């Protein structure tokens, strides 16, 4: 497909450094302008937050935007009313939809490539071997993302002058496609044995961090109890003790909700993070993402489909056990997750 992303990747593959960096600079400029001229002015109205913005363009388009959003909202409300099901029926419809999608994926893959049942057991073993590698990476990424997001939220909350910059930095960086980090940091990736792991971490962070980051900045900070803040100020509770005893516990519902989304985002990013090629140089860091990428590169449609389905089952199992327990704990102690 034609677009700025294709231009950037093709420039890198041709070795056209000037065009590559010009494409990246153009992408960042468009992202920055979109936020400053359109999205941030709207965000200031809806979220009642101070964001870096220029209102001239938004003011000129405000009437049109309000009309479009109003019509869209009315249409969605109408559709929601017509499609509302009882709880049990909704679960049955969801299960049927998942089963239908899985069947369609397998059917489409089998048309492209004959399905050999004898290869199913080796594939199951292969996925079982690679799954712990990816789980460890994803868990690490979610933990690091949580730490970075908490730090950003703390800076944004305690330093009013930095809040708009913290938000804008996240907005711009979150909009960069994850796959661009490999060519952008190719010197790092190819420069040392640790290079591929560093870049893979950044790619996975791109897929996971921003769910936590904005969940804390937008919803978490708004839920902080002012009376606890006043008590902390009165008793001079600052620094680490304030972070540990007041700030972090107050954000736990938003932190849990963001971490669940980050968990899913990190899994999506494993496909781009665990396997990459630079001409004749192949970077294979192992894991389920690398396994799917290799099967896709080999044209193994059945292998990709079955691996994706097995991975989905594993993720759902973790969501229904570990994450459910975590949300129940947060709800029991802090009054519910967002």
Protein backbone atom coordinates (compact mmCIF):
# COMPACT_ATOMS: atom_id res chain seq x y z
CA UNK A 1 0.00 0.00 0.00
CA UNK A 2 1.13 3.53 -0.74
CA UNK A 3 1.82 5.71 2.28
CA UNK A 4 4.46 7.31 4.47
CA UNK A 5 5.12 4.01 6.27
CA UNK A 6 5.81 2.21 3.00
CA UNK A 7 8.05 5.08 1.88
CA UNK A 8 10.09 4.90 5.10
CA UNK A 9 10.57 1.12 4.99
CA UNK A 10 11.39 1.03 1.27
CA UNK A 11 13.91 3.87 1.69
CA UNK A 12 15.66 1.89 4.41
CA UNK A 13 15.70 -1.29 2.31
CA UNK A 14 17.24 0.65 -0.62
CA UNK A 15 19.88 2.11 1.67
CA UNK A 16 18.61 5.64 0.98
CA UNK A 17 19.45 7.15 4.37
CA UNK A 18 18.41 10.70 3.46
CA UNK A 19 14.94 9.64 2.30
CA UNK A 20 14.54 7.38 5.32
CA UNK A 21 15.24 10.11 7.87
CA UNK A 22 13.23 12.64 5.85
CA UNK A 23 10.28 10.24 5.97
CA UNK A 24 10.64 9.75 9.74
CA UNK A 25 10.89 13.53 10.27
CA UNK A 26 7.79 14.09 8.13
CA UNK A 27 5.89 11.44 10.08
CA UNK A 28 6.80 13.02 13.42
CA UNK A 29 5.91 16.49 12.14
CA UNK A 30 2.47 15.37 10.98
CA UNK A 31 1.85 13.59 14.30
CA UNK A 32 2.92 16.65 16.29
CA UNK A 33 0.79 19.02 14.19
CA UNK A 34 -2.26 16.76 14.48
CA UNK A 35 -2.05 16.77 18.26
CA UNK A 36 -1.21 20.45 18.71
CA UNK A 37 -3.77 21.81 16.24
CA UNK A 38 -6.66 19.32 16.54
CA UNK A 39 -6.58 16.61 19.18
CA UNK A 40 -5.16 18.52 22.14
CA UNK A 41 -7.59 21.46 21.85
CA UNK A 42 -10.44 18.93 21.83
CA UNK A 43 -8.83 17.06 24.71
CA UNK A 44 -8.65 20.21 26.80
CA UNK A 45 -12.41 20.63 26.50
CA UNK A 46 -13.32 17.02 27.19
CA UNK A 47 -10.71 16.12 29.82
CA UNK A 48 -10.32 19.57 31.38
CA UNK A 49 -6.53 19.22 31.29
CA UNK A 50 -3.84 21.65 30.22
CA UNK A 51 -2.26 20.32 27.02
CA UNK A 52 0.16 21.92 24.56
CA UNK A 53 -2.19 23.19 21.87
CA UNK A 54 -3.03 25.95 19.40
CA UNK A 55 -6.77 26.55 19.07
CA UNK A 56 -6.94 28.44 15.75
CA UNK A 57 -7.57 25.44 13.48
CA UNK A 58 -9.77 23.62 15.98
CA UNK A 59 -11.92 26.71 16.53
CA UNK A 60 -12.48 27.06 12.78
CA UNK A 61 -13.47 23.38 12.44
CA UNK A 62 -15.32 23.07 15.73
CA UNK A 63 -18.82 23.38 14.31
CA UNK A 64 -18.20 20.73 11.66
CA UNK A 65 -16.51 18.38 14.15
CA UNK A 66 -19.37 18.76 16.65
CA UNK A 67 -21.93 17.95 13.95
CA UNK A 68 -20.06 14.83 12.81
CA UNK A 69 -19.43 13.57 16.35
CA UNK A 70 -23.04 14.22 17.34
CA UNK A 71 -24.36 12.26 14.37
CA UNK A 72 -21.92 9.42 15.04
CA UNK A 73 -22.85 9.29 18.73
CA UNK A 74 -26.57 9.14 17.92
CA UNK A 75 -25.97 6.36 15.39
CA UNK A 76 -23.94 4.33 17.88
CA UNK A 77 -26.58 4.75 20.61
CA UNK A 78 -29.24 3.56 18.17
CA UNK A 79 -27.20 0.53 17.11
CA UNK A 80 -26.35 -0.33 20.72
CA UNK A 81 -30.03 -0.27 21.66
CA UNK A 82 -30.93 -2.64 18.84
CA UNK A 83 -28.04 -5.05 19.50
CA UNK A 84 -28.39 -5.24 23.29
CA UNK A 85 -28.60 -8.87 24.46
CA UNK A 86 -29.23 -10.46 27.87
CA UNK A 87 -25.93 -11.40 29.61
CA UNK A 88 -26.12 -15.12 28.74
CA UNK A 89 -27.11 -14.45 25.14
CA UNK A 90 -24.27 -11.93 24.80
CA UNK A 91 -21.75 -14.55 25.96
CA UNK A 92 -23.17 -17.13 23.55
CA UNK A 93 -23.02 -14.66 20.65
CA UNK A 94 -19.41 -13.76 21.54
CA UNK A 95 -18.40 -17.44 21.75
CA UNK A 96 -20.10 -18.16 18.42
CA UNK A 97 -18.33 -15.20 16.79
CA UNK A 98 -14.94 -16.38 18.06
CA UNK A 99 -15.60 -19.93 16.86
CA UNK A 100 -16.73 -18.64 13.46
CA UNK A 101 -13.62 -16.47 13.07
CA UNK A 102 -11.36 -19.38 14.05
CA UNK A 103 -13.12 -21.67 11.56
CA UNK A 104 -12.88 -19.05 8.81
CA UNK A 105 -9.17 -18.54 9.49
CA UNK A 106 -8.44 -22.27 9.37
CA UNK A 107 -10.58 -22.74 6.26
CA UNK A 108 -8.85 -19.88 4.45
CA UNK A 109 -5.42 -21.17 5.43
CA UNK A 110 -6.26 -24.74 4.39
CA UNK A 111 -7.32 -23.51 0.95
CA UNK A 112 -3.96 -21.84 0.50
CA UNK A 113 -2.11 -24.86 1.87
CA UNK A 114 -3.25 -28.46 2.54
CA UNK A 115 -3.66 -29.22 6.25
CA UNK A 116 -1.59 -32.18 7.44
CA UNK A 117 -2.74 -33.44 10.85
CA UNK A 118 0.58 -35.20 11.37
CA UNK A 119 2.24 -31.79 11.70
CA UNK A 120 -0.08 -30.65 14.49
CA UNK A 121 1.71 -32.37 17.38
CA UNK A 122 5.18 -31.01 16.44
CA UNK A 123 3.63 -27.54 16.14
CA UNK A 124 2.02 -27.87 19.58
CA UNK A 125 5.39 -28.86 21.05
CA UNK A 126 7.09 -25.97 19.26
CA UNK A 127 4.58 -23.46 20.61
CA UNK A 128 4.87 -24.93 24.12
CA UNK A 129 8.66 -24.53 23.97
CA UNK A 130 8.55 -20.94 22.74
CA UNK A 131 5.66 -19.73 24.92
CA UNK A 132 7.67 -19.34 28.19
CA UNK A 133 10.24 -17.18 26.37
CA UNK A 134 7.59 -14.74 25.19
CA UNK A 135 5.72 -14.80 28.52
CA UNK A 136 8.90 -13.77 30.34
CA UNK A 137 9.47 -10.91 27.87
CA UNK A 138 5.87 -9.72 28.06
CA UNK A 139 5.84 -9.80 31.87
CA UNK A 140 9.10 -7.82 31.97
CA UNK A 141 7.77 -5.25 29.50
CA UNK A 142 4.54 -4.76 31.47
CA UNK A 143 6.51 -4.29 34.71
CA UNK A 144 8.88 -1.74 33.14
CA UNK A 145 5.96 0.06 31.47
CA UNK A 146 4.20 0.30 34.83
CA UNK A 147 7.29 1.80 36.48
CA UNK A 148 7.79 4.36 33.69
CA UNK A 149 4.10 5.29 33.67
CA UNK A 150 4.01 5.75 37.44
CA UNK A 151 7.07 7.99 37.26
CA UNK A 152 5.53 10.04 34.42
CA UNK A 153 2.24 10.36 36.32
CA UNK A 154 4.08 11.44 39.47
CA UNK A 155 6.06 14.11 37.59
CA UNK A 156 2.91 15.30 35.84
CA UNK A 157 1.02 15.53 39.13
CA UNK A 158 3.68 17.17 41.28
CA UNK A 159 5.11 19.56 38.66
CA UNK A 160 2.35 21.46 36.93
CA UNK A 161 4.74 23.01 34.41
CA UNK A 162 5.86 19.59 33.17
CA UNK A 163 2.38 18.06 32.80
CA UNK A 164 1.75 19.32 29.25
CA UNK A 165 5.22 18.24 28.07
CA UNK A 166 4.81 14.78 29.61
CA UNK A 167 1.48 14.36 27.81
CA UNK A 168 2.80 15.64 24.45
CA UNK A 169 5.90 13.43 24.59
CA UNK A 170 3.67 10.42 25.11
CA UNK A 171 1.28 11.43 22.35
CA UNK A 172 4.04 11.77 19.75
CA UNK A 173 6.03 8.69 20.74
CA UNK A 174 2.90 6.54 21.01
CA UNK A 175 2.02 7.35 17.40
CA UNK A 176 5.26 5.97 15.94
CA UNK A 177 4.69 2.56 14.28
CA UNK A 178 6.55 -0.15 16.20
CA UNK A 179 8.22 -1.62 13.10
CA UNK A 180 10.05 1.66 12.38
CA UNK A 181 12.22 1.20 15.48
CA UNK A 182 14.20 -1.66 13.92
CA UNK A 183 15.49 0.37 10.92
CA UNK A 184 15.72 3.54 13.02
CA UNK A 185 17.94 1.79 15.58
CA UNK A 186 19.67 -0.58 13.18
CA UNK A 187 23.11 0.63 14.30
CA UNK A 188 22.23 -0.37 17.87
CA UNK A 189 20.69 -3.68 16.79
CA UNK A 190 23.72 -4.73 14.75
CA UNK A 191 26.39 -3.11 16.91
CA UNK A 192 26.66 -5.59 19.78
CA UNK A 193 25.28 -8.92 21.06
CA UNK A 194 22.91 -7.01 23.36
CA UNK A 195 21.77 -4.67 20.59
CA UNK A 196 18.92 -6.85 19.27
CA UNK A 197 17.55 -7.33 22.79
CA UNK A 198 17.64 -3.58 23.44
CA UNK A 199 15.76 -2.76 20.23
CA UNK A 200 13.31 -5.63 20.77
CA UNK A 201 12.56 -4.21 24.22
CA UNK A 202 11.86 -0.78 22.69
CA UNK A 203 9.60 -2.33 20.03
CA UNK A 204 7.61 -4.22 22.67
CA UNK A 205 7.45 -1.11 24.85
CA UNK A 206 5.96 0.73 21.88
CA UNK A 207 3.17 -1.81 21.85
CA UNK A 208 2.56 -1.87 25.60
CA UNK A 209 3.72 1.27 27.41
CA UNK A 210 1.15 3.76 26.18
CA UNK A 211 -1.87 1.88 27.51
CA UNK A 212 -0.50 2.29 31.03
CA UNK A 213 0.92 5.74 30.39
CA UNK A 214 -2.32 7.39 29.31
CA UNK A 215 -4.55 5.36 31.60
CA UNK A 216 -2.65 6.81 34.55
CA UNK A 217 -2.33 10.34 33.16
CA UNK A 218 -5.96 10.68 32.07
CA UNK A 219 -7.98 8.53 34.48
CA UNK A 220 -5.63 7.72 37.33
CA UNK A 221 -4.66 11.27 38.26
CA UNK A 222 -8.30 12.35 38.09
CA UNK A 223 -9.19 9.73 40.72
CA UNK A 224 -6.64 10.86 43.31
CA UNK A 225 -8.33 11.80 46.57
CA UNK A 226 -7.62 15.40 47.49
CA UNK A 227 -8.21 14.77 51.21
CA UNK A 228 -5.34 12.28 51.28
CA UNK A 229 -3.18 14.82 49.47
CA UNK A 230 -4.02 17.44 52.06
CA UNK A 231 -3.18 15.05 54.90
CA UNK A 232 0.12 14.19 53.24
CA UNK A 233 0.94 17.88 52.96
CA UNK A 234 -0.08 18.49 56.58
CA UNK A 235 2.09 15.67 57.91
CA UNK A 236 4.87 16.39 55.42
CA UNK A 237 4.73 13.00 53.75
CA UNK A 238 6.83 13.44 50.62
CA UNK A 239 9.06 11.63 48.17
CA UNK A 240 9.27 7.84 48.39
CA UNK A 241 6.81 7.52 51.31
CA UNK A 242 4.19 9.62 49.50
CA UNK A 243 4.69 7.55 46.34
CA UNK A 244 4.43 4.26 48.25
CA UNK A 245 1.65 5.00 50.74
CA UNK A 246 -0.65 7.42 48.90
CA UNK A 247 0.11 7.99 45.23
CA UNK A 248 0.54 4.41 43.96
CA UNK A 249 -2.35 2.85 45.96
CA UNK A 250 -4.68 5.60 44.71
CA UNK A 251 -3.77 4.75 41.12
CA UNK A 252 -4.04 0.96 41.45
CA UNK A 253 -7.44 0.60 39.71
CA UNK A 254 -6.16 2.56 36.69
CA UNK A 255 -2.82 0.78 36.91
CA UNK A 256 -4.50 -2.64 36.78
CA UNK A 257 -6.73 -1.65 33.85
CA UNK A 258 -3.78 -0.21 31.93
CA UNK A 259 -1.61 -3.23 32.70
CA UNK A 260 -4.21 -5.59 31.24
CA UNK A 261 -4.28 -3.59 27.99
CA UNK A 262 -0.47 -3.37 28.01
CA UNK A 263 -0.31 -7.16 28.40
CA UNK A 264 -2.31 -7.56 25.18
CA UNK A 265 -0.33 -4.86 23.38
CA UNK A 266 2.98 -6.49 24.30
CA UNK A 267 1.80 -9.81 22.88
CA UNK A 268 0.87 -8.10 19.62
CA UNK A 269 4.32 -6.51 19.47
CA UNK A 270 6.19 -9.82 19.89
CA UNK A 271 5.71 -10.54 16.18
CA UNK A 272 7.64 -7.39 15.25
CA UNK A 273 10.06 -7.54 18.19
CA UNK A 274 11.33 -11.12 18.24
CA UNK A 275 12.23 -11.49 14.56
CA UNK A 276 13.73 -8.99 12.11
CA UNK A 277 15.79 -9.03 8.93
CA UNK A 278 18.41 -6.58 7.66
CA UNK A 279 19.29 -7.72 4.17
CA UNK A 280 21.10 -11.03 4.66
CA UNK A 281 21.27 -10.54 8.43
CA UNK A 282 18.52 -12.27 10.41
CA UNK A 283 17.76 -11.48 14.06
CA UNK A 284 15.88 -14.32 15.73
CA UNK A 285 15.32 -13.88 19.46
CA UNK A 286 13.08 -16.94 19.83
CA UNK A 287 9.54 -16.83 21.23
CA UNK A 288 6.04 -17.29 19.84
CA UNK A 289 6.23 -13.99 17.96
CA UNK A 290 9.41 -15.09 16.20
CA UNK A 291 7.80 -18.46 15.47
CA UNK A 292 4.82 -16.81 13.75
CA UNK A 293 7.05 -14.37 11.86
CA UNK A 294 9.20 -17.23 10.54
CA UNK A 295 6.19 -19.25 9.46
CA UNK A 296 4.73 -16.18 7.73
CA UNK A 297 8.03 -15.58 5.92
CA UNK A 298 8.03 -19.23 4.80
CA UNK A 299 4.46 -18.96 3.51
CA UNK A 300 3.16 -21.46 6.07
CA UNK A 301 -0.41 -20.15 6.38
CA UNK A 302 -1.61 -23.13 8.41
CA UNK A 303 1.31 -22.80 10.82
CA UNK A 304 0.65 -19.08 11.34
CA UNK A 305 -3.09 -19.63 11.89
CA UNK A 306 -2.72 -22.54 14.32
CA UNK A 307 0.07 -20.78 16.25
CA UNK A 308 -2.05 -17.63 16.54
CA UNK A 309 -5.04 -19.65 17.78
CA UNK A 310 -2.94 -21.52 20.35
CA UNK A 311 -1.43 -18.25 21.55
CA UNK A 312 -4.91 -16.72 21.83
CA UNK A 313 -6.09 -19.64 23.97
CA UNK A 314 -3.07 -19.26 26.26
CA UNK A 315 -3.63 -15.50 26.65
CA UNK A 316 -7.35 -15.98 27.39
CA UNK A 317 -6.48 -18.62 30.01
CA UNK A 318 -4.14 -16.18 31.76
CA UNK A 319 -6.72 -13.39 31.52
CA UNK A 320 -9.40 -15.56 33.11
CA UNK A 321 -7.14 -16.68 35.98
CA UNK A 322 -4.30 -14.34 36.91
CA UNK A 323 -5.82 -11.09 35.69
CA UNK A 324 -9.27 -11.86 37.09
CA UNK A 325 -7.75 -12.53 40.53
CA UNK A 326 -5.79 -9.29 40.31
CA UNK A 327 -8.89 -7.25 39.47
CA UNK A 328 -10.86 -8.91 42.26
CA UNK A 329 -8.08 -7.99 44.69
CA UNK A 330 -7.98 -4.38 43.51
CA UNK A 331 -11.78 -4.13 43.64
CA UNK A 332 -11.96 -5.52 47.17
CA UNK A 333 -9.30 -3.15 48.48
CA UNK A 334 -9.79 0.00 46.43
CA UNK A 335 -13.44 0.04 45.43
CA UNK A 336 -13.29 -1.22 41.84
CA UNK A 337 -11.11 -1.06 38.74
CA UNK A 338 -11.75 1.41 35.97
